[in-house]
Amino acid sequence: MVQRMSANVSGKQQKYTRIGAQEYVPFDQDELSIHNIKDACQKHFGPQIEKDLVCDVLAGECGPSCNKMAQIPNKKVFYVRFVKPEGELEEEENRSRDHEVSVSK
């Protein structure tokens, strides 16, 4: 069971916002791993998301991102979000910072 979440936190409690209802995601792998969860979600939600976004598995509604299965406290529902790859996100932040600096001069 997967709950898709927003890319960014919001509100007073700094939670990710739920997108839609929880869904069953087809999982054809033998091993339950972060990599396999990301692959299954990428395939399942692919038609609904932008092409350049990647899946990120969260520990819960408030995050953080998980790199290991041991970091996920509840394995009944997996919380995922789709974000730009880290390198692209940093480049975009740098571009917006450069733009702010040039505008304020």
Protein backbone atom coordinates (compact mmCIF):
# COMPACT_ATOMS: atom_id res chain seq x y z
CA MET A 1 0.00 0.00 0.00
CA VAL A 2 1.44 3.37 -1.02
CA GLN A 3 0.47 6.92 -0.10
CA ARG A 4 1.72 9.54 -2.53
CA MET A 5 2.82 12.79 -0.89
CA SER A 6 3.60 16.33 -2.06
CA ALA A 7 7.18 17.21 -2.99
CA ASN A 8 7.49 19.86 -0.24
CA VAL A 9 6.35 20.21 3.36
CA SER A 10 3.73 22.77 4.31
CA GLY A 11 1.73 24.04 7.24
CA LYS A 12 2.50 24.61 10.88
CA GLN A 13 3.51 20.99 11.51
CA GLN A 14 5.74 20.85 8.41
CA LYS A 15 4.09 17.76 6.95
CA TYR A 16 3.98 16.55 3.38
CA THR A 17 0.45 16.80 1.96
CA ARG A 18 -1.29 13.63 0.82
CA ILE A 19 -2.02 13.38 -2.90
CA GLY A 20 -5.02 11.16 -3.54
CA ALA A 21 -5.97 8.00 -1.70
CA GLN A 22 -3.69 5.16 -0.71
CA GLU A 23 -3.08 2.84 -3.64
CA TYR A 24 -1.98 -0.70 -4.21
CA VAL A 25 1.15 -0.59 -6.35
CA PRO A 26 2.06 -3.75 -8.30
CA PHE A 27 5.24 -5.18 -6.79
CA ASP A 28 6.87 -7.98 -8.79
CA GLN A 29 10.19 -8.19 -6.93
CA ASP A 30 11.15 -10.92 -4.47
CA GLU A 31 13.03 -8.57 -2.15
CA LEU A 32 11.42 -5.64 -0.34
CA SER A 33 14.04 -2.88 -0.63
CA ILE A 34 14.07 0.90 -1.04
CA HIS A 35 15.37 0.50 -4.60
CA ASN A 36 12.60 -1.95 -5.54
CA ILE A 37 9.90 0.23 -3.93
CA LYS A 38 11.16 3.24 -5.91
CA ASP A 39 11.15 1.23 -9.15
CA ALA A 40 7.60 -0.05 -8.58
CA CYS A 41 6.29 3.43 -7.74
CA GLN A 42 8.11 4.99 -10.68
CA LYS A 43 6.39 2.51 -13.03
CA HIS A 44 2.97 2.83 -11.38
CA PHE A 45 2.85 6.63 -11.05
CA GLY A 46 4.93 7.32 -14.20
CA PRO A 47 1.99 8.45 -16.37
CA GLN A 48 0.89 10.93 -13.65
CA ILE A 49 4.23 12.66 -13.02
CA GLU A 50 6.77 14.71 -14.99
CA LYS A 51 9.43 12.65 -16.75
CA ASP A 52 12.43 14.11 -14.91
CA LEU A 53 11.11 13.42 -11.38
CA VAL A 54 12.42 10.55 -9.23
CA CYS A 55 10.76 8.66 -6.40
CA ASP A 56 11.77 9.36 -2.80
CA VAL A 57 10.63 7.04 0.02
CA LEU A 58 9.75 8.79 3.31
CA ALA A 59 9.71 7.47 6.88
CA GLY A 60 6.25 9.02 7.41
CA GLU A 61 4.11 12.06 6.66
CA CYS A 62 6.75 14.39 8.13
CA GLY A 63 9.70 12.64 6.46
CA PRO A 64 12.66 12.25 6.43
CA SER A 65 13.82 10.49 3.27
CA CYS A 66 14.92 6.89 3.76
CA ASN A 67 17.92 5.10 2.28
CA LYS A 68 17.48 1.81 4.16
CA MET A 69 14.48 -0.36 5.01
CA ALA A 70 15.44 -0.20 8.71
CA GLN A 71 14.61 3.54 8.65
CA ILE A 72 10.94 2.88 7.81
CA PRO A 73 8.96 2.37 11.04
CA ASN A 74 5.71 1.11 9.47
CA LYS A 75 5.97 -1.26 6.54
CA LYS A 76 2.20 -1.47 5.98
CA VAL A 77 1.99 1.87 4.16
CA PHE A 78 4.89 3.40 2.24
CA TYR A 79 4.97 7.18 1.86
CA VAL A 80 6.53 8.38 -1.39
CA ARG A 81 7.04 11.70 -3.10
CA PHE A 82 8.41 12.62 -6.52
CA VAL A 83 11.19 15.19 -6.67
CA LYS A 84 13.84 16.42 -9.07
CA PRO A 85 17.13 14.50 -8.82
CA GLU A 86 19.49 16.09 -6.25
CA GLY A 87 21.93 17.52 -8.82
CA GLU A 88 19.14 19.23 -10.78
CA LEU A 89 17.55 20.59 -7.59
CA GLU A 90 20.83 22.20 -6.53
CA GLU A 91 21.31 23.69 -10.01
CA GLU A 92 17.78 25.15 -9.94
CA GLU A 93 18.36 26.66 -6.47
CA ASN A 94 21.65 28.19 -7.65
CA ARG A 95 19.96 29.66 -10.75
CA SER A 96 17.20 31.24 -8.64
CA ARG A 97 19.78 32.61 -6.18
CA ASP A 98 21.83 34.04 -9.07
CA HIS A 99 18.66 35.60 -10.47
CA GLU A 100 17.79 37.15 -7.09
CA VAL A 101 21.30 38.62 -6.79
CA SER A 102 21.21 40.10 -10.30
CA VAL A 103 17.73 41.54 -9.75
CA SER A 104 18.68 43.20 -6.46
CA LYS A 105 21.81 44.90 -7.91
